[in-house]
Amino acid sequence: MVVVFDAELWIWDARRADTWTFVSLPTEASEEIRDLAGGARRGFGSLRVRVTVGGSTWKTSIFPDSTVGGGQPARVRISML
């Protein structure tokens, strides 16, 4: 599954000192990923994914966003090197 979208990056308030940067997936894509994954989740409800931003690609995880009702949309940690 490939999801292409534009969104603003944001820094997680709880980890500002570590600058954990995330992007929120569109709700529709988040719901589709959740349906496809079924029960195949890891810690904190995460799923392993491969992310491409610009010309860089890496493996990371998506997490359900507990700040939004129903645990959606998912958020992706973006490692800024």
C-alpha atoms as a PDB file:
ATOM      1  CA  MET A   1       0.000   0.000   0.000  1.00  0.00           C
ATOM      2  CA  VAL A   2       1.316   3.436  -0.919  1.00  0.00           C
ATOM      3  CA  VAL A   3      -0.094   6.596   0.680  1.00  0.00           C
ATOM      4  CA  VAL A   4       0.885   9.945  -0.848  1.00  0.00           C
ATOM      5  CA  PHE A   5      -0.112  13.137   0.949  1.00  0.00           C
ATOM      6  CA  ASP A   6       1.062  16.612   1.982  1.00  0.00           C
ATOM      7  CA  ALA A   7       1.019  17.611   5.643  1.00  0.00           C
ATOM      8  CA  GLU A   8       2.851  19.761   8.144  1.00  0.00           C
ATOM      9  CA  LEU A   9       5.447  18.130  10.406  1.00  0.00           C
ATOM     10  CA  TRP A  10       5.005  18.655  14.153  1.00  0.00           C
ATOM     11  CA  ILE A  11       7.146  18.134  17.265  1.00  0.00           C
ATOM     12  CA  TRP A  12       5.749  15.909  20.032  1.00  0.00           C
ATOM     13  CA  ASP A  13       5.305  18.104  23.128  1.00  0.00           C
ATOM     14  CA  ALA A  14       6.319  15.318  25.546  1.00  0.00           C
ATOM     15  CA  ARG A  15       9.712  14.877  23.795  1.00  0.00           C
ATOM     16  CA  ARG A  16      10.606  18.430  22.715  1.00  0.00           C
ATOM     17  CA  ALA A  17      14.142  18.089  24.132  1.00  0.00           C
ATOM     18  CA  ASP A  18      14.673  15.090  21.823  1.00  0.00           C
ATOM     19  CA  THR A  19      12.879  16.755  18.882  1.00  0.00           C
ATOM     20  CA  TRP A  20      10.688  13.777  17.993  1.00  0.00           C
ATOM     21  CA  THR A  21       9.069  14.932  14.772  1.00  0.00           C
ATOM     22  CA  PHE A  22       5.804  13.462  13.469  1.00  0.00           C
ATOM     23  CA  VAL A  23       3.333  13.833  10.644  1.00  0.00           C
ATOM     24  CA  SER A  24      -0.345  12.894  10.936  1.00  0.00           C
ATOM     25  CA  LEU A  25      -1.769  10.631   8.253  1.00  0.00           C
ATOM     26  CA  PRO A  26      -5.047  11.575   6.584  1.00  0.00           C
ATOM     27  CA  THR A  27      -7.997   9.914   8.365  1.00  0.00           C
ATOM     28  CA  GLU A  28      -9.041   7.860   5.323  1.00  0.00           C
ATOM     29  CA  ALA A  29      -5.536   6.393   4.893  1.00  0.00           C
ATOM     30  CA  SER A  30      -5.294   5.722   8.612  1.00  0.00           C
ATOM     31  CA  GLU A  31      -8.577   3.785   8.597  1.00  0.00           C
ATOM     32  CA  GLU A  32      -7.516   1.751   5.542  1.00  0.00           C
ATOM     33  CA  ILE A  33      -4.162   0.864   7.129  1.00  0.00           C
ATOM     34  CA  ARG A  34      -5.909  -0.179  10.357  1.00  0.00           C
ATOM     35  CA  ASP A  35      -8.311  -2.420   8.389  1.00  0.00           C
ATOM     36  CA  LEU A  36      -5.484  -4.026   6.373  1.00  0.00           C
ATOM     37  CA  ALA A  37      -3.306  -4.619   9.446  1.00  0.00           C
ATOM     38  CA  GLY A  38      -5.994  -6.391  11.448  1.00  0.00           C
ATOM     39  CA  GLY A  39      -4.418  -7.493  14.738  1.00  0.00           C
ATOM     40  CA  ALA A  40      -0.808  -7.441  13.501  1.00  0.00           C
ATOM     41  CA  ARG A  41       0.308  -4.602  15.764  1.00  0.00           C
ATOM     42  CA  ARG A  42       3.410  -4.116  17.889  1.00  0.00           C
ATOM     43  CA  GLY A  43       3.982  -2.143  21.105  1.00  0.00           C
ATOM     44  CA  PHE A  44       1.698   0.850  21.660  1.00  0.00           C
ATOM     45  CA  GLY A  45      -0.418  -0.335  18.704  1.00  0.00           C
ATOM     46  CA  SER A  46       2.360   0.490  16.222  1.00  0.00           C
ATOM     47  CA  LEU A  47       2.923  -0.913  12.749  1.00  0.00           C
ATOM     48  CA  ARG A  48       6.249  -1.042  10.890  1.00  0.00           C
ATOM     49  CA  VAL A  49       6.327   1.054   7.693  1.00  0.00           C
ATOM     50  CA  ARG A  50       8.758   2.390   5.109  1.00  0.00           C
ATOM     51  CA  VAL A  51       8.613   6.176   4.647  1.00  0.00           C
ATOM     52  CA  THR A  52       9.923   8.341   1.826  1.00  0.00           C
ATOM     53  CA  VAL A  53      10.255  12.103   2.184  1.00  0.00           C
ATOM     54  CA  GLY A  54      11.920  13.832  -0.716  1.00  0.00           C
ATOM     55  CA  GLY A  55      14.797  11.590  -1.784  1.00  0.00           C
ATOM     56  CA  SER A  56      15.222   9.840   1.590  1.00  0.00           C
ATOM     57  CA  THR A  57      13.614   6.492   2.507  1.00  0.00           C
ATOM     58  CA  TRP A  58      13.774   4.705   5.873  1.00  0.00           C
ATOM     59  CA  LYS A  59      11.893   2.249   8.108  1.00  0.00           C
ATOM     60  CA  THR A  60       9.940   3.562  11.074  1.00  0.00           C
ATOM     61  CA  SER A  61       6.591   2.899  12.766  1.00  0.00           C
ATOM     62  CA  ILE A  62       3.135   4.411  12.682  1.00  0.00           C
ATOM     63  CA  PHE A  63       1.209   4.814  15.927  1.00  0.00           C
ATOM     64  CA  PRO A  64      -2.469   5.360  16.641  1.00  0.00           C
ATOM     65  CA  ASP A  65      -3.002   8.919  17.860  1.00  0.00           C
ATOM     66  CA  SER A  66      -4.624   8.658  21.280  1.00  0.00           C
ATOM     67  CA  THR A  67      -5.290  12.423  21.348  1.00  0.00           C
ATOM     68  CA  VAL A  68      -7.984  11.999  18.687  1.00  0.00           C
ATOM     69  CA  GLY A  69     -11.157  10.064  19.471  1.00  0.00           C
ATOM     70  CA  GLY A  70     -11.126   6.484  18.231  1.00  0.00           C
ATOM     71  CA  GLY A  71      -7.333   6.377  18.003  1.00  0.00           C
ATOM     72  CA  GLN A  72      -7.114   8.028  14.610  1.00  0.00           C
ATOM     73  CA  PRO A  73      -5.521   9.364  12.535  1.00  0.00           C
ATOM     74  CA  ALA A  74      -2.206   7.556  12.829  1.00  0.00           C
ATOM     75  CA  ARG A  75       1.017   9.472  13.215  1.00  0.00           C
ATOM     76  CA  VAL A  76       4.432   8.674  11.789  1.00  0.00           C
ATOM     77  CA  ARG A  77       7.714   9.515  13.495  1.00  0.00           C
ATOM     78  CA  ILE A  78      10.029  11.359  11.125  1.00  0.00           C
ATOM     79  CA  SER A  79      13.724  11.057  11.984  1.00  0.00           C
ATOM     80  CA  MET A  80      15.488  14.238  10.983  1.00  0.00           C
ATOM     81  CA  LEU A  81      19.150  13.484  10.238  1.00  0.00           C
END
